[in-house]
Every structure is written in C-alpha cells, then in structure tokens.
Amino acid sequence: MAVEAVENNTNSQRIAFTAIKLSSLLYKLCGVIHLAIWLELKLIDGAPWLEQ
C-alpha cells in the first residue's frame, strides 16, 4: 500500500508538472503571437488606429 501511494504521488506530480509546462508553453506562444501582431501593426504604414 505504501508503494502504491508513492507511485500515485509521483504520477500526480508528473501530471501537475506536465500541466505547468503546457501552460507555460501556451503563455509563451501567446506572447510570441501578440508580439508578432504588434510588430506587424507597427510596421504597417498609415495605420490610423495606432496614432490616436
């Protein structure tokens, strides 16, 4: 039973770690997309909505 508890614990830790890594990747991906859109809008000449 103790061994089962240890295995279960490491399994939930692995799941939590994977979830944290995935959310971190998603956050970075959103940051990259946001930066790309911001740069694209900034580089477009005559974008009136940027200079309000």
Protein backbone atom coordinates (compact mmCIF):
# COMPACT_ATOMS: atom_id res chain seq x y z
CA MET A 1 0.00 0.00 0.00
CA ALA A 2 2.87 2.36 0.76
CA VAL A 3 4.40 1.59 -2.63
CA GLU A 4 1.05 2.28 -4.29
CA ALA A 5 0.80 5.62 -2.53
CA VAL A 6 4.30 6.58 -3.66
CA GLU A 7 3.55 5.59 -7.27
CA ASN A 8 0.28 7.51 -7.17
CA ASN A 9 2.05 10.54 -5.74
CA THR A 10 4.76 10.59 -8.40
CA ASN A 11 2.09 10.12 -11.05
CA SER A 12 0.12 13.16 -9.86
CA GLN A 13 3.34 15.14 -9.59
CA ARG A 14 4.15 14.18 -13.18
CA ILE A 15 0.67 15.25 -14.29
CA ALA A 16 0.97 18.55 -12.43
CA PHE A 17 4.44 19.17 -13.86
CA THR A 18 3.19 18.45 -17.38
CA ALA A 19 0.25 20.80 -16.87
CA ILE A 20 2.58 23.55 -15.65
CA LYS A 21 4.91 23.03 -18.61
CA LEU A 22 2.00 23.09 -21.05
CA SER A 23 0.51 26.27 -19.59
CA SER A 24 3.95 27.89 -19.63
CA LEU A 25 4.37 26.96 -23.29
CA LEU A 26 0.90 28.28 -24.08
CA TYR A 27 1.71 31.55 -22.28
CA LYS A 28 4.95 31.94 -24.26
CA LEU A 29 3.17 31.11 -27.51
CA CYS A 30 0.52 33.76 -26.83
CA GLY A 31 3.29 36.25 -26.04
CA VAL A 32 5.05 35.50 -29.33
CA ILE A 33 1.79 35.82 -31.29
CA HIS A 34 0.96 39.09 -29.53
CA LEU A 35 4.43 40.45 -30.27
CA ALA A 36 4.16 39.41 -33.92
CA ILE A 37 0.76 41.10 -34.32
CA TRP A 38 2.01 44.24 -32.52
CA LEU A 39 5.09 44.42 -34.75
CA GLU A 40 3.04 43.82 -37.87
CA LEU A 41 0.63 46.62 -36.96
CA LYS A 42 3.54 48.89 -36.03
CA LEU A 43 5.29 48.28 -39.36
CA ILE A 44 2.21 48.92 -41.49
CA ASP A 45 2.48 52.45 -42.87
CA GLY A 46 -0.58 54.61 -42.49
CA ALA A 47 -2.26 52.67 -39.71
CA PRO A 48 -4.52 55.40 -38.34
CA TRP A 49 -5.70 53.42 -35.30
CA LEU A 50 -2.15 53.42 -33.88
CA GLU A 51 -1.77 57.19 -33.75
CA GLN A 52 -4.91 58.20 -31.89
